[in-house]
């Protein structure tokens, strides 16, 4: 995924289907300058992590 699309998803009120390493995640924030997204697994909102946006997949 590119950072622009990740930003669109994070700003949208509609939940998008996004995965990271095969796990469904929610995008909390996108740092477009550094191409990093702050995410958490849908089933574990307290497990936040920062990952490269290129590692996120939309399905």
N, C-alpha and C. Protein backbone atom coordinates (compact mmCIF):
# COMPACT_ATOMS: atom_id res chain seq x y z
N UNK A 1 0.85 -1.16 0.00
CA UNK A 1 0.00 0.00 0.00
C UNK A 1 0.90 1.23 0.00
N UNK A 2 0.41 2.32 -0.58
CA UNK A 2 1.19 3.55 -0.51
C UNK A 2 0.67 4.44 0.61
N UNK A 3 1.46 5.43 0.99
CA UNK A 3 1.11 6.25 2.15
C UNK A 3 -0.15 7.08 1.92
N UNK A 4 -0.40 7.49 0.69
CA UNK A 4 -1.60 8.27 0.41
C UNK A 4 -2.86 7.44 0.68
N UNK A 5 -2.87 6.20 0.21
CA UNK A 5 -4.03 5.34 0.44
C UNK A 5 -4.18 5.02 1.93
N UNK A 6 -3.09 4.78 2.61
CA UNK A 6 -3.15 4.52 4.05
C UNK A 6 -3.74 5.72 4.78
N UNK A 7 -3.36 6.92 4.37
CA UNK A 7 -3.90 8.14 4.98
C UNK A 7 -5.40 8.24 4.71
N UNK A 8 -5.83 7.95 3.50
CA UNK A 8 -7.25 7.98 3.15
C UNK A 8 -8.04 7.01 4.03
N UNK A 9 -7.50 5.82 4.22
CA UNK A 9 -8.17 4.81 5.04
C UNK A 9 -8.27 5.27 6.50
N UNK A 10 -7.18 5.81 7.03
CA UNK A 10 -7.18 6.22 8.43
C UNK A 10 -8.14 7.39 8.67
N UNK A 11 -8.36 8.23 7.68
CA UNK A 11 -9.25 9.38 7.82
C UNK A 11 -10.71 9.05 7.54
N UNK A 12 -10.96 7.90 6.94
CA UNK A 12 -12.32 7.53 6.55
C UNK A 12 -13.13 7.01 7.74
N UNK A 13 -14.43 7.37 7.79
CA UNK A 13 -15.29 6.82 8.84
C UNK A 13 -15.71 5.37 8.54
N UNK A 14 -15.43 4.92 7.33
CA UNK A 14 -15.77 3.55 6.92
C UNK A 14 -14.58 2.64 7.18
N UNK A 15 -14.85 1.53 7.86
CA UNK A 15 -13.79 0.57 8.18
C UNK A 15 -13.34 -0.14 6.90
N UNK A 16 -12.05 -0.11 6.63
CA UNK A 16 -11.48 -0.79 5.46
C UNK A 16 -10.87 -2.11 5.90
N UNK A 17 -10.78 -3.02 4.97
CA UNK A 17 -10.17 -4.33 5.23
C UNK A 17 -8.68 -4.24 4.92
N UNK A 18 -7.89 -4.14 5.98
CA UNK A 18 -6.44 -4.00 5.84
C UNK A 18 -5.77 -5.08 6.67
N UNK A 19 -4.70 -5.65 6.13
CA UNK A 19 -3.94 -6.66 6.87
C UNK A 19 -2.47 -6.27 6.96
N UNK A 20 -1.86 -6.77 8.01
CA UNK A 20 -0.42 -6.67 8.21
C UNK A 20 0.05 -8.05 8.62
N UNK A 21 0.94 -8.65 7.84
CA UNK A 21 1.41 -10.02 8.08
C UNK A 21 0.24 -11.01 8.21
N UNK A 22 -0.79 -10.80 7.42
CA UNK A 22 -1.93 -11.71 7.42
C UNK A 22 -2.96 -11.47 8.50
N UNK A 23 -2.73 -10.51 9.38
CA UNK A 23 -3.67 -10.20 10.46
C UNK A 23 -4.42 -8.91 10.15
N UNK A 24 -5.71 -8.90 10.42
CA UNK A 24 -6.52 -7.71 10.19
C UNK A 24 -6.14 -6.63 11.20
N UNK A 25 -5.94 -5.41 10.67
CA UNK A 25 -5.49 -4.31 11.51
C UNK A 25 -6.30 -3.05 11.24
N UNK A 26 -6.20 -2.13 12.20
CA UNK A 26 -6.80 -0.80 12.10
C UNK A 26 -5.65 0.20 12.00
N UNK A 27 -5.74 1.12 11.04
CA UNK A 27 -4.71 2.15 10.88
C UNK A 27 -5.11 3.36 11.74
N UNK A 28 -4.29 3.66 12.72
CA UNK A 28 -4.57 4.79 13.61
C UNK A 28 -4.03 6.10 13.07
N UNK A 29 -2.82 6.06 12.53
CA UNK A 29 -2.15 7.29 12.09
C UNK A 29 -1.16 6.93 10.99
N UNK A 30 -0.94 7.89 10.09
CA UNK A 30 0.05 7.69 9.03
C UNK A 30 1.01 8.88 9.02
N UNK A 31 2.29 8.57 9.08
CA UNK A 31 3.34 9.58 8.93
C UNK A 31 3.78 9.48 7.47
N UNK A 32 3.22 10.35 6.63
CA UNK A 32 3.48 10.26 5.20
C UNK A 32 4.93 10.57 4.85
N UNK A 33 5.54 11.47 5.60
CA UNK A 33 6.92 11.84 5.31
C UNK A 33 7.87 10.66 5.48
N UNK A 34 7.64 9.86 6.53
CA UNK A 34 8.51 8.71 6.80
C UNK A 34 7.94 7.38 6.32
N UNK A 35 6.73 7.43 5.72
CA UNK A 35 6.09 6.22 5.19
C UNK A 35 5.84 5.17 6.27
N UNK A 36 5.41 5.62 7.46
CA UNK A 36 5.17 4.73 8.60
C UNK A 36 3.72 4.88 9.06
N UNK A 37 3.09 3.76 9.37
CA UNK A 37 1.72 3.77 9.88
C UNK A 37 1.71 3.21 11.30
N UNK A 38 0.91 3.83 12.16
CA UNK A 38 0.67 3.29 13.49
C UNK A 38 -0.61 2.47 13.40
N UNK A 39 -0.50 1.20 13.77
CA UNK A 39 -1.63 0.27 13.61
C UNK A 39 -1.85 -0.51 14.90
N UNK A 40 -2.99 -1.20 14.95
CA UNK A 40 -3.20 -2.21 15.99
C UNK A 40 -4.10 -3.30 15.42
N UNK A 41 -3.92 -4.54 15.90
CA UNK A 41 -4.79 -5.63 15.47
C UNK A 41 -6.23 -5.34 15.90
N UNK A 42 -7.20 -5.72 15.09
CA UNK A 42 -8.60 -5.48 15.43
C UNK A 42 -8.97 -6.11 16.76
N UNK A 43 -8.43 -7.28 17.06
CA UNK A 43 -8.80 -7.98 18.28
C UNK A 43 -7.98 -7.54 19.50
N UNK A 44 -7.00 -6.64 19.30
CA UNK A 44 -6.16 -6.21 20.42
C UNK A 44 -5.77 -4.73 20.25
N UNK A 45 -6.70 -3.81 20.56
CA UNK A 45 -6.43 -2.39 20.36
C UNK A 45 -5.28 -1.83 21.20
N UNK A 46 -4.88 -2.53 22.23
CA UNK A 46 -3.78 -2.05 23.08
C UNK A 46 -2.40 -2.42 22.54
N UNK A 47 -2.35 -3.22 21.49
CA UNK A 47 -1.07 -3.66 20.92
C UNK A 47 -0.73 -2.79 19.70
N UNK A 48 -0.31 -1.56 19.95
CA UNK A 48 0.02 -0.63 18.87
C UNK A 48 1.43 -0.86 18.40
N UNK A 49 1.63 -0.66 17.10
CA UNK A 49 2.97 -0.76 16.55
C UNK A 49 3.10 0.14 15.33
N UNK A 50 4.31 0.54 15.02
CA UNK A 50 4.59 1.34 13.85
C UNK A 50 5.23 0.46 12.80
N UNK A 51 4.69 0.52 11.59
CA UNK A 51 5.17 -0.36 10.51
C UNK A 51 5.26 0.44 9.21
N UNK A 52 6.10 0.00 8.27
CA UNK A 52 6.13 0.65 6.96
C UNK A 52 4.79 0.46 6.24
N UNK A 53 4.29 1.54 5.64
CA UNK A 53 3.00 1.44 4.95
C UNK A 53 3.05 0.42 3.81
N UNK A 54 4.22 0.20 3.26
CA UNK A 54 4.34 -0.76 2.16
C UNK A 54 4.08 -2.19 2.61
N UNK A 55 4.10 -2.44 3.91
CA UNK A 55 3.81 -3.78 4.45
C UNK A 55 2.33 -4.01 4.70
N UNK A 56 1.50 -2.98 4.50
CA UNK A 56 0.06 -3.10 4.69
C UNK A 56 -0.60 -3.50 3.37
N UNK A 57 -1.62 -4.34 3.47
CA UNK A 57 -2.34 -4.77 2.27
C UNK A 57 -3.82 -4.52 2.47
N UNK A 58 -4.45 -4.01 1.42
CA UNK A 58 -5.89 -3.81 1.44
C UNK A 58 -6.52 -4.92 0.61
N UNK A 59 -7.61 -5.48 1.14
CA UNK A 59 -8.29 -6.54 0.38
C UNK A 59 -9.76 -6.29 0.32
